[in-house]
């Protein structure tokens, strides 16, 4: 079972609810999912920031794939950091941007983020399709060798 770290903003009720919905959909495909808002941030804030940081680092290091929710007029700073760290660790990072705003000539997201991604999906449906391809490919490793 491949492990996924779900990097996403988690500061509003709407963001937290979406994150849980996305986690549940990804789990249905057979992946394990680390969701910081529940798996580390539940430690509390006061005096525990370092513990949250360390737990999240370990989870990213242990993950096969990072999903980064990149919605908003600007990407959440914590999510951007997680993308950069994961990229530096040679992790597969899949971006999800359902927000239709663009940066004009620069692209859909910050160029440093976009160039750190394995792929950038436009919808939850597209993301789940991409994950399904990864899941099927990992169950049938000969499928990748046979491809032209």
Protein backbone atom coordinates (compact mmCIF):
# COMPACT_ATOMS: atom_id res chain seq x y z
CA UNK A 1 0.00 0.00 0.00
CA UNK A 2 1.47 3.34 -1.03
CA UNK A 3 1.52 6.11 1.56
CA UNK A 4 0.31 9.62 0.77
CA UNK A 5 0.92 12.85 2.67
CA UNK A 6 -1.91 15.35 2.10
CA UNK A 7 -0.47 18.88 2.19
CA UNK A 8 -3.24 21.46 2.30
CA UNK A 9 -4.36 24.59 4.09
CA UNK A 10 -6.30 23.72 7.25
CA UNK A 11 -7.30 27.01 8.80
CA UNK A 12 -11.00 27.24 8.02
CA UNK A 13 -13.84 24.83 8.59
CA UNK A 14 -14.35 24.59 4.82
CA UNK A 15 -10.67 23.69 4.23
CA UNK A 16 -10.66 21.04 6.95
CA UNK A 17 -13.90 19.48 5.65
CA UNK A 18 -12.57 19.39 2.08
CA UNK A 19 -9.32 17.82 3.28
CA UNK A 20 -11.23 15.05 5.07
CA UNK A 21 -13.40 14.44 2.01
CA UNK A 22 -10.30 14.22 -0.20
CA UNK A 23 -8.54 11.91 2.29
CA UNK A 24 -11.54 9.58 2.34
CA UNK A 25 -11.72 9.45 -1.48
CA UNK A 26 -7.99 8.66 -1.70
CA UNK A 27 -8.29 5.96 0.96
CA UNK A 28 -11.08 4.31 -1.05
CA UNK A 29 -8.50 3.78 -3.82
CA UNK A 30 -6.38 1.76 -1.39
CA UNK A 31 -3.80 4.32 -0.27
CA UNK A 32 -2.89 5.16 3.31
CA UNK A 33 -3.17 8.91 3.95
CA UNK A 34 -1.43 11.11 6.51
CA UNK A 35 -3.63 14.18 7.11
CA UNK A 36 -1.74 16.70 9.27
CA UNK A 37 -4.87 18.34 10.66
CA UNK A 38 -5.74 15.04 12.33
CA UNK A 39 -2.51 13.07 12.44
CA UNK A 40 -0.16 15.69 13.90
CA UNK A 41 -1.87 19.02 14.53
CA UNK A 42 -4.13 17.37 17.08
CA UNK A 43 -1.18 17.59 19.45
CA UNK A 44 -2.19 21.16 20.26
CA UNK A 45 -0.38 24.40 19.56
CA UNK A 46 1.14 25.69 22.78
CA UNK A 47 4.63 24.32 23.30
CA UNK A 48 4.10 21.60 20.72
CA UNK A 49 5.06 23.30 17.47
CA UNK A 50 8.36 21.40 17.29
CA UNK A 51 6.58 18.07 17.81
CA UNK A 52 4.10 18.87 15.01
CA UNK A 53 6.98 19.90 12.73
CA UNK A 54 8.95 16.71 13.46
CA UNK A 55 5.92 14.46 13.01
CA UNK A 56 5.09 16.08 9.66
CA UNK A 57 8.71 15.74 8.46
CA UNK A 58 8.70 12.05 9.33
CA UNK A 59 5.38 11.58 7.54
CA UNK A 60 6.64 13.28 4.37
CA UNK A 61 9.82 11.18 4.49
CA UNK A 62 7.74 8.00 4.89
CA UNK A 63 5.35 8.89 2.06
CA UNK A 64 5.54 7.68 -1.50
CA UNK A 65 3.43 10.54 -2.86
CA UNK A 66 2.56 14.03 -1.67
CA UNK A 67 -0.75 15.56 -2.74
CA UNK A 68 -0.62 19.35 -2.49
CA UNK A 69 -3.85 21.34 -2.52
CA UNK A 70 -2.87 24.59 -4.25
CA UNK A 71 -6.15 26.53 -4.26
CA UNK A 72 -6.46 30.19 -3.32
CA UNK A 73 -5.17 33.45 -4.72
CA UNK A 74 -1.78 32.47 -3.28
CA UNK A 75 -0.66 29.02 -2.18
CA UNK A 76 -0.75 28.38 1.56
CA UNK A 77 2.76 29.01 2.91
CA UNK A 78 2.90 25.72 4.84
CA UNK A 79 1.79 23.76 1.80
CA UNK A 80 4.41 25.55 -0.32
CA UNK A 81 7.09 24.58 2.21
CA UNK A 82 5.93 20.96 2.23
CA UNK A 83 6.09 20.87 -1.59
CA UNK A 84 9.63 22.26 -1.54
CA UNK A 85 10.78 19.81 1.13
CA UNK A 86 9.18 16.86 -0.67
CA UNK A 87 10.76 17.91 -3.96
CA UNK A 88 14.18 18.14 -2.29
CA UNK A 89 13.63 14.61 -0.96
CA UNK A 90 12.83 13.39 -4.51
CA UNK A 91 9.22 12.58 -3.65
CA UNK A 92 6.48 12.44 -6.27
CA UNK A 93 4.35 15.56 -5.72
CA UNK A 94 0.94 15.87 -7.35
CA UNK A 95 -0.66 19.29 -7.24
CA UNK A 96 -4.39 19.85 -7.10
CA UNK A 97 -5.68 23.25 -8.17
CA UNK A 98 -9.44 23.45 -8.56
CA UNK A 99 -9.29 27.25 -8.34
CA UNK A 100 -9.58 28.73 -11.83
CA UNK A 101 -7.60 31.91 -11.07
CA UNK A 102 -4.24 32.11 -12.84
CA UNK A 103 -1.08 34.15 -12.46
CA UNK A 104 -1.30 35.41 -16.03
CA UNK A 105 1.84 34.79 -18.08
CA UNK A 106 3.51 33.02 -15.15
CA UNK A 107 1.06 30.08 -15.24
CA UNK A 108 -1.52 28.53 -12.96
CA UNK A 109 0.61 28.56 -9.81
CA UNK A 110 3.95 29.98 -8.77
CA UNK A 111 6.59 28.74 -11.23
CA UNK A 112 8.78 27.29 -8.47
CA UNK A 113 5.85 25.23 -7.19
CA UNK A 114 4.67 24.20 -10.65
CA UNK A 115 8.14 22.99 -11.61
CA UNK A 116 8.34 20.94 -8.41
CA UNK A 117 5.26 18.91 -9.37
CA UNK A 118 5.04 15.56 -11.08
CA UNK A 119 1.63 16.69 -12.36
CA UNK A 120 -0.99 19.37 -11.73
CA UNK A 121 -4.61 18.24 -11.65
CA UNK A 122 -7.59 20.54 -12.26
CA UNK A 123 -10.19 18.60 -10.28
CA UNK A 124 -10.60 16.01 -7.57
CA UNK A 125 -11.86 13.64 -10.27
CA UNK A 126 -8.68 14.13 -12.32
CA UNK A 127 -6.50 13.61 -9.22
CA UNK A 128 -8.28 10.38 -8.33
CA UNK A 129 -7.80 9.17 -11.91
CA UNK A 130 -4.08 9.90 -11.70
CA UNK A 131 -3.85 8.03 -8.38
CA UNK A 132 -5.75 5.09 -9.84
CA UNK A 133 -3.16 4.85 -12.65
CA UNK A 134 -0.37 4.89 -10.04
CA UNK A 135 -2.14 2.24 -7.96
CA UNK A 136 -2.73 -0.04 -10.93
CA UNK A 137 0.85 0.50 -12.13
CA UNK A 138 2.26 -0.44 -8.74
CA UNK A 139 0.14 -3.61 -8.68
CA UNK A 140 1.34 -4.52 -12.19
CA UNK A 141 4.98 -3.37 -12.47
CA UNK A 142 5.35 -5.12 -15.83
CA UNK A 143 2.82 -2.67 -17.30
CA UNK A 144 5.40 0.13 -17.08
CA UNK A 145 8.09 -2.01 -18.76
CA UNK A 146 5.77 -2.91 -21.63
CA UNK A 147 4.87 0.69 -22.43
CA UNK A 148 6.64 2.12 -25.53
